[in-house]
Amino acid sequence: MPPKRKGATNTSEETPAKVPRATRKSSTTKAASKTKASNTSGARAGTGAEFEKPFDSKKCLSWFKTYTGLEEDEDFDADQIGPGGITKLCEDINVSLDAVDMLVLAYHLQADTMPIFTKEEWTKGMTKLGIDSTEKLKVAMPSLVAALQDPKHFKEFYRYVFMFAKDSEQKCMPLETACAMIGTVMKGRPHEQRFVAYLEAKHPVKVINKDQWYNFLDFSDSIAEDLTNYDPVGSAWPVLLDEYVEWRNEESL
């Protein structure tokens, strides 16, 4: 998954308290506002010879442990997979750390904090998916990612990413983190590249709040790339998106 970047915390949007990035023991319970996955791609994620073998919970737990204890921080919780373990997992299933795959996996595990998978999240999520080995996960990942083509499923995933990528005690996502997440999650969709270019060039805000994040997906889905159907009078978009349109218009002059 894309690395979480550091960002300033003072903003006119919201001013979240500055907290350390989670790298140690953390609660596995998220606030009730977290969007829950409906797992519309199906409880069982794959087919083929590997999936003909019944799910083995002991094997799944043993598999989990192969990715623990790989962190530089000696105080890191041994019952959690951290950045080092996630990097190894990506290598084992042949996916890029910056690809959307790990965010999709985190969504199905309903992981609470980026970049951490707890033992409880892993065992519950993998049990639902019917995955207990690297081989099964490697087979299943393409179908899990492909399920994002369903608009309803993608919207749930997109909203989950906001809760996952922001620091758990903050209400907003640092701008740099938001740019990285948009570039990964919205890759190839309308306004993805230009909106990120606007944010990086103008730094109109220091953090992205939930309303701005949610509305950007709706904006991307409904407003043409060339902005021809944008209504400056009748629209009710967040100010950030109106300012993005103004920037686009200025750039075209």
C-alpha atoms as a PDB file:
ATOM      1  CA  MET A   1       0.000   0.000   0.000  1.00  0.00           C
ATOM      2  CA  PRO A   2       1.243   3.538  -0.614  1.00  0.00           C
ATOM      3  CA  PRO A   3       3.282   4.891   2.306  1.00  0.00           C
ATOM      4  CA  LYS A   4       1.499   7.312   4.604  1.00  0.00           C
ATOM      5  CA  ARG A   5       3.154  10.682   4.194  1.00  0.00           C
ATOM      6  CA  LYS A   6       3.562  13.248   6.932  1.00  0.00           C
ATOM      7  CA  GLY A   7       1.508  16.400   6.686  1.00  0.00           C
ATOM      8  CA  ALA A   8       0.888  19.599   8.654  1.00  0.00           C
ATOM      9  CA  THR A   9      -2.055  19.574  11.008  1.00  0.00           C
ATOM     10  CA  ASN A  10      -3.132  23.239  11.027  1.00  0.00           C
ATOM     11  CA  THR A  11      -5.930  23.997   8.586  1.00  0.00           C
ATOM     12  CA  SER A  12      -8.981  26.116   8.011  1.00  0.00           C
ATOM     13  CA  GLU A  13     -10.919  22.929   7.245  1.00  0.00           C
ATOM     14  CA  GLU A  14     -10.432  21.136  10.550  1.00  0.00           C
ATOM     15  CA  THR A  15      -7.626  21.095  13.082  1.00  0.00           C
ATOM     16  CA  PRO A  16      -6.918  17.533  14.148  1.00  0.00           C
ATOM     17  CA  ALA A  17      -4.693  16.852  17.104  1.00  0.00           C
ATOM     18  CA  LYS A  18      -1.196  15.814  16.148  1.00  0.00           C
ATOM     19  CA  VAL A  19      -0.579  12.209  17.157  1.00  0.00           C
ATOM     20  CA  PRO A  20       2.290   9.797  16.534  1.00  0.00           C
ATOM     21  CA  ARG A  21       1.974   7.428  13.628  1.00  0.00           C
ATOM     22  CA  ALA A  22       0.785   4.058  14.874  1.00  0.00           C
ATOM     23  CA  THR A  23       3.605   1.555  14.919  1.00  0.00           C
ATOM     24  CA  ARG A  24       3.056  -0.211  18.206  1.00  0.00           C
ATOM     25  CA  LYS A  25       0.240  -1.928  20.037  1.00  0.00           C
ATOM     26  CA  SER A  26      -3.157  -0.565  19.026  1.00  0.00           C
ATOM     27  CA  SER A  27      -6.813  -1.379  19.552  1.00  0.00           C
ATOM     28  CA  THR A  28      -8.484  -3.579  16.973  1.00  0.00           C
ATOM     29  CA  THR A  29     -11.802  -1.819  17.445  1.00  0.00           C
ATOM     30  CA  LYS A  30     -12.618   1.173  15.203  1.00  0.00           C
ATOM     31  CA  ALA A  31     -15.118   3.922  15.883  1.00  0.00           C
ATOM     32  CA  ALA A  32     -18.634   3.046  14.871  1.00  0.00           C
ATOM     33  CA  SER A  33     -18.491   5.501  11.977  1.00  0.00           C
ATOM     34  CA  LYS A  34     -16.118   3.288  10.039  1.00  0.00           C
ATOM     35  CA  THR A  35     -17.632   2.000   6.806  1.00  0.00           C
ATOM     36  CA  LYS A  36     -18.029  -1.762   6.969  1.00  0.00           C
ATOM     37  CA  ALA A  37     -17.274  -3.906   3.958  1.00  0.00           C
ATOM     38  CA  SER A  38     -20.230  -5.717   2.487  1.00  0.00           C
ATOM     39  CA  ASN A  39     -17.863  -8.101   0.702  1.00  0.00           C
ATOM     40  CA  THR A  40     -19.933  -7.916  -2.484  1.00  0.00           C
ATOM     41  CA  SER A  41     -17.287  -9.904  -4.329  1.00  0.00           C
ATOM     42  CA  GLY A  42     -18.381 -12.985  -2.387  1.00  0.00           C
ATOM     43  CA  ALA A  43     -17.329 -14.664   0.849  1.00  0.00           C
ATOM     44  CA  ARG A  44     -14.965 -16.987  -0.967  1.00  0.00           C
ATOM     45  CA  ALA A  45     -12.504 -15.121  -3.101  1.00  0.00           C
ATOM     46  CA  GLY A  46     -11.011 -17.678  -5.464  1.00  0.00           C
ATOM     47  CA  THR A  47     -11.352 -20.872  -7.434  1.00  0.00           C
ATOM     48  CA  GLY A  48      -9.007 -23.563  -8.674  1.00  0.00           C
ATOM     49  CA  ALA A  49      -6.987 -26.407  -7.207  1.00  0.00           C
ATOM     50  CA  GLU A  50      -5.799 -24.444  -4.173  1.00  0.00           C
ATOM     51  CA  PHE A  51      -9.368 -23.574  -3.168  1.00  0.00           C
ATOM     52  CA  GLU A  52     -10.451 -27.198  -3.372  1.00  0.00           C
ATOM     53  CA  LYS A  53      -8.523 -27.685  -0.136  1.00  0.00           C
ATOM     54  CA  PRO A  54     -10.668 -26.849   2.944  1.00  0.00           C
ATOM     55  CA  PHE A  55      -9.835 -23.750   4.959  1.00  0.00           C
ATOM     56  CA  ASP A  56      -7.530 -24.537   7.882  1.00  0.00           C
ATOM     57  CA  SER A  57      -7.613 -22.009  10.745  1.00  0.00           C
ATOM     58  CA  LYS A  58      -4.381 -23.320  12.294  1.00  0.00           C
ATOM     59  CA  LYS A  59      -2.629 -23.046   8.953  1.00  0.00           C
ATOM     60  CA  CYS A  60      -3.963 -19.505   8.582  1.00  0.00           C
ATOM     61  CA  LEU A  61      -2.584 -18.494  11.979  1.00  0.00           C
ATOM     62  CA  SER A  62       0.784 -20.091  11.226  1.00  0.00           C
ATOM     63  CA  TRP A  63       0.828 -18.212   7.916  1.00  0.00           C
ATOM     64  CA  PHE A  64       0.096 -14.952   9.758  1.00  0.00           C
ATOM     65  CA  LYS A  65       3.098 -15.501  12.028  1.00  0.00           C
ATOM     66  CA  THR A  66       5.484 -15.702   9.060  1.00  0.00           C
ATOM     67  CA  TYR A  67       4.912 -11.964   8.567  1.00  0.00           C
ATOM     68  CA  THR A  68       5.313 -10.892  12.205  1.00  0.00           C
ATOM     69  CA  GLY A  69       8.545 -10.021  13.979  1.00  0.00           C
ATOM     70  CA  LEU A  70       9.988  -8.295  10.910  1.00  0.00           C
ATOM     71  CA  GLU A  71       9.914  -4.739  12.238  1.00  0.00           C
ATOM     72  CA  GLU A  72      12.934  -2.653  13.205  1.00  0.00           C
ATOM     73  CA  ASP A  73      11.125  -1.420  16.310  1.00  0.00           C
ATOM     74  CA  GLU A  74      11.821  -3.986  19.034  1.00  0.00           C
ATOM     75  CA  ASP A  75       8.698  -2.884  20.924  1.00  0.00           C
ATOM     76  CA  PHE A  76       6.386  -3.528  17.978  1.00  0.00           C
ATOM     77  CA  ASP A  77       3.530  -5.856  18.940  1.00  0.00           C
ATOM     78  CA  ALA A  78       4.424  -9.427  17.967  1.00  0.00           C
ATOM     79  CA  ASP A  79       0.750 -10.130  17.227  1.00  0.00           C
ATOM     80  CA  GLN A  80       0.669  -7.546  14.450  1.00  0.00           C
ATOM     81  CA  ILE A  81       1.968  -7.423  10.900  1.00  0.00           C
ATOM     82  CA  GLY A  82       3.692  -4.093  10.327  1.00  0.00           C
ATOM     83  CA  PRO A  83       5.348  -2.343   7.383  1.00  0.00           C
ATOM     84  CA  GLY A  84       8.130  -4.922   7.178  1.00  0.00           C
ATOM     85  CA  GLY A  85       5.699  -7.823   7.116  1.00  0.00           C
ATOM     86  CA  ILE A  86       3.464  -6.147   4.552  1.00  0.00           C
ATOM     87  CA  THR A  87       6.472  -5.535   2.327  1.00  0.00           C
ATOM     88  CA  LYS A  88       7.349  -9.246   2.510  1.00  0.00           C
ATOM     89  CA  LEU A  89       3.730 -10.206   1.804  1.00  0.00           C
ATOM     90  CA  CYS A  90       3.745  -8.044  -1.325  1.00  0.00           C
ATOM     91  CA  GLU A  91       6.936  -9.732  -2.480  1.00  0.00           C
ATOM     92  CA  ASP A  92       5.470 -13.189  -1.848  1.00  0.00           C
ATOM     93  CA  ILE A  93       2.323 -12.563  -3.902  1.00  0.00           C
ATOM     94  CA  ASN A  94       4.146 -10.517  -6.544  1.00  0.00           C
ATOM     95  CA  VAL A  95       2.336  -7.199  -6.184  1.00  0.00           C
ATOM     96  CA  SER A  96       3.759  -3.710  -5.865  1.00  0.00           C
ATOM     97  CA  LEU A  97       3.657  -2.074  -2.452  1.00  0.00           C
ATOM     98  CA  ASP A  98       2.218   1.012  -4.157  1.00  0.00           C
ATOM     99  CA  ALA A  99      -0.517  -0.882  -6.003  1.00  0.00           C
ATOM    100  CA  VAL A 100      -4.154  -0.901  -4.942  1.00  0.00           C
ATOM    101  CA  ASP A 101      -3.964  -4.593  -3.979  1.00  0.00           C
ATOM    102  CA  MET A 102      -2.900  -4.097  -0.362  1.00  0.00           C
ATOM    103  CA  LEU A 103      -5.612  -1.498   0.189  1.00  0.00           C
ATOM    104  CA  VAL A 104      -8.125  -3.989  -1.207  1.00  0.00           C
ATOM    105  CA  LEU A 105      -6.813  -6.661   1.150  1.00  0.00           C
ATOM    106  CA  ALA A 106      -6.974  -4.237   4.083  1.00  0.00           C
ATOM    107  CA  TYR A 107     -10.599  -3.515   3.142  1.00  0.00           C
ATOM    108  CA  HIS A 108     -11.523  -7.200   3.220  1.00  0.00           C
ATOM    109  CA  LEU A 109      -9.720  -7.616   6.540  1.00  0.00           C
ATOM    110  CA  GLN A 110     -11.386  -4.417   7.799  1.00  0.00           C
ATOM    111  CA  ALA A 111      -7.967  -3.364   9.072  1.00  0.00           C
ATOM    112  CA  ASP A 112      -8.073  -0.458  11.489  1.00  0.00           C
ATOM    113  CA  THR A 113      -4.728   1.297  11.106  1.00  0.00           C
ATOM    114  CA  MET A 114      -2.392   1.746   8.147  1.00  0.00           C
ATOM    115  CA  PRO A 115       0.026  -0.019   7.751  1.00  0.00           C
ATOM    116  CA  ILE A 116      -0.886  -2.680  10.330  1.00  0.00           C
ATOM    117  CA  PHE A 117      -2.781  -5.973  10.212  1.00  0.00           C
ATOM    118  CA  THR A 118      -3.632  -7.399  13.638  1.00  0.00           C
ATOM    119  CA  LYS A 119      -4.014 -11.107  14.327  1.00  0.00           C
ATOM    120  CA  GLU A 120      -7.749 -10.664  14.908  1.00  0.00           C
ATOM    121  CA  GLU A 121      -8.230  -8.740  11.661  1.00  0.00           C
ATOM    122  CA  TRP A 122      -6.212 -11.311   9.737  1.00  0.00           C
ATOM    123  CA  THR A 123      -7.940 -14.412  11.092  1.00  0.00           C
ATOM    124  CA  LYS A 124     -11.480 -13.014  10.797  1.00  0.00           C
ATOM    125  CA  GLY A 125     -10.928 -11.574   7.338  1.00  0.00           C
ATOM    126  CA  MET A 126      -9.102 -14.566   5.896  1.00  0.00           C
ATOM    127  CA  THR A 127     -11.702 -16.933   7.332  1.00  0.00           C
ATOM    128  CA  LYS A 128     -14.441 -15.052   5.455  1.00  0.00           C
ATOM    129  CA  LEU A 129     -12.348 -15.149   2.283  1.00  0.00           C
ATOM    130  CA  GLY A 130     -11.441 -18.813   2.728  1.00  0.00           C
ATOM    131  CA  ILE A 131      -7.731 -18.022   2.392  1.00  0.00           C
ATOM    132  CA  ASP A 132      -5.086 -19.717   4.545  1.00  0.00           C
ATOM    133  CA  SER A 133      -1.927 -19.546   2.426  1.00  0.00           C
ATOM    134  CA  THR A 134       0.181 -17.363   0.172  1.00  0.00           C
ATOM    135  CA  GLU A 135      -0.803 -19.505  -2.798  1.00  0.00           C
ATOM    136  CA  LYS A 136      -4.528 -18.986  -2.206  1.00  0.00           C
ATOM    137  CA  LEU A 137      -4.078 -15.241  -1.721  1.00  0.00           C
ATOM    138  CA  LYS A 138      -2.057 -14.986  -4.920  1.00  0.00           C
ATOM    139  CA  VAL A 139      -4.889 -16.696  -6.804  1.00  0.00           C
ATOM    140  CA  ALA A 140      -7.604 -14.613  -5.132  1.00  0.00           C
ATOM    141  CA  MET A 141      -6.129 -11.102  -5.431  1.00  0.00           C
ATOM    142  CA  PRO A 142      -7.020 -10.508  -9.106  1.00  0.00           C
ATOM    143  CA  SER A 143     -10.696 -11.249  -8.442  1.00  0.00           C
ATOM    144  CA  LEU A 144     -10.717  -9.103  -5.305  1.00  0.00           C
ATOM    145  CA  VAL A 145      -9.298  -6.178  -7.268  1.00  0.00           C
ATOM    146  CA  ALA A 146     -11.593  -6.819 -10.242  1.00  0.00           C
ATOM    147  CA  ALA A 147     -14.617  -6.597  -7.934  1.00  0.00           C
ATOM    148  CA  LEU A 148     -13.920  -2.864  -7.661  1.00  0.00           C
ATOM    149  CA  GLN A 149     -15.434  -2.501 -11.116  1.00  0.00           C
ATOM    150  CA  ASP A 150     -18.831  -2.695  -9.429  1.00  0.00           C
ATOM    151  CA  PRO A 151     -19.741   0.949  -8.581  1.00  0.00           C
ATOM    152  CA  LYS A 152     -21.408   0.150  -5.253  1.00  0.00           C
ATOM    153  CA  HIS A 153     -18.517  -2.039  -4.142  1.00  0.00           C
ATOM    154  CA  PHE A 154     -15.984   0.585  -5.210  1.00  0.00           C
ATOM    155  CA  LYS A 155     -17.793   3.328  -3.303  1.00  0.00           C
ATOM    156  CA  GLU A 156     -17.700   1.289  -0.095  1.00  0.00           C
ATOM    157  CA  PHE A 157     -14.008   0.559  -0.648  1.00  0.00           C
ATOM    158  CA  TYR A 158     -13.240   4.218  -1.443  1.00  0.00           C
ATOM    159  CA  ARG A 159     -14.911   5.400   1.752  1.00  0.00           C
ATOM    160  CA  TYR A 160     -13.115   2.740   3.785  1.00  0.00           C
ATOM    161  CA  VAL A 161      -9.747   3.992   2.498  1.00  0.00           C
ATOM    162  CA  PHE A 162     -10.340   7.395   4.104  1.00  0.00           C
ATOM    163  CA  MET A 163     -10.835   5.812   7.529  1.00  0.00           C
ATOM    164  CA  PHE A 164      -7.892   3.456   7.058  1.00  0.00           C
ATOM    165  CA  ALA A 165      -5.341   5.945   5.723  1.00  0.00           C
ATOM    166  CA  LYS A 166      -5.870   8.818   8.136  1.00  0.00           C
ATOM    167  CA  ASP A 167      -4.305   8.720  11.585  1.00  0.00           C
ATOM    168  CA  SER A 168      -6.792   7.027  13.878  1.00  0.00           C
ATOM    169  CA  GLU A 169      -7.144   9.931  16.318  1.00  0.00           C
ATOM    170  CA  GLN A 170      -7.571  12.577  13.612  1.00  0.00           C
ATOM    171  CA  LYS A 171     -10.635  13.567  11.629  1.00  0.00           C
ATOM    172  CA  CYS A 172      -8.750  14.464   8.456  1.00  0.00           C
ATOM    173  CA  MET A 173      -6.110  13.045   6.140  1.00  0.00           C
ATOM    174  CA  PRO A 174      -2.851  14.974   5.545  1.00  0.00           C
ATOM    175  CA  LEU A 175      -2.784  16.451   2.057  1.00  0.00           C
ATOM    176  CA  GLU A 176       0.259  14.459   0.943  1.00  0.00           C
ATOM    177  CA  THR A 177      -1.327  11.206   2.098  1.00  0.00           C
ATOM    178  CA  ALA A 178      -4.545  12.123   0.302  1.00  0.00           C
ATOM    179  CA  CYS A 179      -2.666  12.768  -2.937  1.00  0.00           C
ATOM    180  CA  ALA A 180      -0.983   9.365  -2.691  1.00  0.00           C
ATOM    181  CA  MET A 181      -4.284   7.621  -1.924  1.00  0.00           C
ATOM    182  CA  ILE A 182      -6.142   9.350  -4.770  1.00  0.00           C
ATOM    183  CA  GLY A 183      -3.362   8.412  -7.178  1.00  0.00           C
ATOM    184  CA  THR A 184      -3.670   4.774  -6.141  1.00  0.00           C
ATOM    185  CA  VAL A 185      -7.397   4.305  -5.554  1.00  0.00           C
ATOM    186  CA  MET A 186      -8.699   6.577  -8.338  1.00  0.00           C
ATOM    187  CA  LYS A 187      -6.028   5.714 -10.902  1.00  0.00           C
ATOM    188  CA  GLY A 188      -7.343   6.158 -14.435  1.00  0.00           C
ATOM    189  CA  ARG A 189     -10.620   7.763 -13.356  1.00  0.00           C
ATOM    190  CA  PRO A 190     -11.759  11.250 -14.440  1.00  0.00           C
ATOM    191  CA  HIS A 191      -9.970  14.142 -12.697  1.00  0.00           C
ATOM    192  CA  GLU A 192      -7.560  11.866 -10.801  1.00  0.00           C
ATOM    193  CA  GLN A 193      -4.350  13.267 -12.284  1.00  0.00           C
ATOM    194  CA  ARG A 194      -5.473  16.885 -12.609  1.00  0.00           C
ATOM    195  CA  PHE A 195      -6.981  17.092  -9.138  1.00  0.00           C
ATOM    196  CA  VAL A 196      -3.785  15.731  -7.599  1.00  0.00           C
ATOM    197  CA  ALA A 197      -1.779  18.175  -9.742  1.00  0.00           C
ATOM    198  CA  TYR A 198      -3.937  21.009  -8.397  1.00  0.00           C
ATOM    199  CA  LEU A 199      -3.495  19.928  -4.781  1.00  0.00           C
ATOM    200  CA  GLU A 200       0.267  19.569  -5.168  1.00  0.00           C
ATOM    201  CA  ALA A 201       0.686  22.841  -7.062  1.00  0.00           C
ATOM    202  CA  LYS A 202      -1.569  25.136  -5.035  1.00  0.00           C
ATOM    203  CA  HIS A 203      -1.759  23.465  -1.601  1.00  0.00           C
ATOM    204  CA  PRO A 204      -5.224  24.988  -1.076  1.00  0.00           C
ATOM    205  CA  VAL A 205      -5.675  23.047   2.183  1.00  0.00           C
ATOM    206  CA  LYS A 206      -3.367  21.208   4.551  1.00  0.00           C
ATOM    207  CA  VAL A 207      -5.691  18.269   5.137  1.00  0.00           C
ATOM    208  CA  ILE A 208      -8.587  16.603   3.328  1.00  0.00           C
ATOM    209  CA  ASN A 209     -11.711  16.057   5.399  1.00  0.00           C
ATOM    210  CA  LYS A 210     -14.273  13.291   4.982  1.00  0.00           C
ATOM    211  CA  ASP A 211     -16.784  15.462   3.119  1.00  0.00           C
ATOM    212  CA  GLN A 212     -14.167  16.526   0.567  1.00  0.00           C
ATOM    213  CA  TRP A 213     -12.966  12.940   0.139  1.00  0.00           C
ATOM    214  CA  TYR A 214     -16.457  11.505  -0.327  1.00  0.00           C
ATOM    215  CA  ASN A 215     -17.516  14.268  -2.720  1.00  0.00           C
ATOM    216  CA  PHE A 216     -14.487  13.888  -4.954  1.00  0.00           C
ATOM    217  CA  LEU A 217     -15.674  10.436  -6.006  1.00  0.00           C
ATOM    218  CA  ASP A 218     -19.142  11.806  -6.818  1.00  0.00           C
ATOM    219  CA  PHE A 219     -17.525  14.684  -8.714  1.00  0.00           C
ATOM    220  CA  SER A 220     -15.359  12.277 -10.702  1.00  0.00           C
ATOM    221  CA  ASP A 221     -18.375  10.106 -11.532  1.00  0.00           C
ATOM    222  CA  SER A 222     -20.657  12.957 -12.613  1.00  0.00           C
ATOM    223  CA  ILE A 223     -18.528  15.809 -13.992  1.00  0.00           C
ATOM    224  CA  ALA A 224     -16.892  15.357 -17.393  1.00  0.00           C
ATOM    225  CA  GLU A 225     -13.113  15.529 -17.615  1.00  0.00           C
ATOM    226  CA  ASP A 226     -13.427  18.703 -19.727  1.00  0.00           C
ATOM    227  CA  LEU A 227     -15.850  20.218 -17.155  1.00  0.00           C
ATOM    228  CA  THR A 228     -18.477  20.935 -19.833  1.00  0.00           C
ATOM    229  CA  ASN A 229     -21.347  19.822 -17.576  1.00  0.00           C
ATOM    230  CA  TYR A 230     -20.118  21.642 -14.461  1.00  0.00           C
ATOM    231  CA  ASP A 231     -22.753  24.083 -13.177  1.00  0.00           C
ATOM    232  CA  PRO A 232     -21.158  26.960 -11.238  1.00  0.00           C
ATOM    233  CA  VAL A 233     -24.565  28.246 -10.103  1.00  0.00           C
ATOM    234  CA  GLY A 234     -26.594  25.174  -9.274  1.00  0.00           C
ATOM    235  CA  SER A 235     -23.799  22.970  -7.928  1.00  0.00           C
ATOM    236  CA  ALA A 236     -23.341  22.257  -4.231  1.00  0.00           C
ATOM    237  CA  TRP A 237     -19.804  20.884  -4.259  1.00  0.00           C
ATOM    238  CA  PRO A 238     -17.343  21.581  -1.438  1.00  0.00           C
ATOM    239  CA  VAL A 239     -15.435  24.839  -1.957  1.00  0.00           C
ATOM    240  CA  LEU A 240     -12.265  22.845  -2.623  1.00  0.00           C
ATOM    241  CA  LEU A 241     -13.800  21.326  -5.763  1.00  0.00           C
ATOM    242  CA  ASP A 242     -15.148  24.677  -6.962  1.00  0.00           C
ATOM    243  CA  GLU A 243     -11.658  26.114  -6.569  1.00  0.00           C
ATOM    244  CA  TYR A 244     -10.252  23.171  -8.505  1.00  0.00           C
ATOM    245  CA  VAL A 245     -12.579  24.044 -11.392  1.00  0.00           C
ATOM    246  CA  GLU A 246     -11.474  27.697 -11.235  1.00  0.00           C
ATOM    247  CA  TRP A 247      -7.850  26.574 -11.386  1.00  0.00           C
ATOM    248  CA  ARG A 248      -8.586  24.387 -14.391  1.00  0.00           C
ATOM    249  CA  ASN A 249     -10.254  27.298 -16.161  1.00  0.00           C
ATOM    250  CA  GLU A 250      -7.320  29.594 -15.405  1.00  0.00           C
ATOM    251  CA  GLU A 251      -4.876  26.992 -16.691  1.00  0.00           C
ATOM    252  CA  SER A 252      -6.755  26.772 -20.000  1.00  0.00           C
ATOM    253  CA  LEU A 253      -6.549  30.522 -20.697  1.00  0.00           C
END
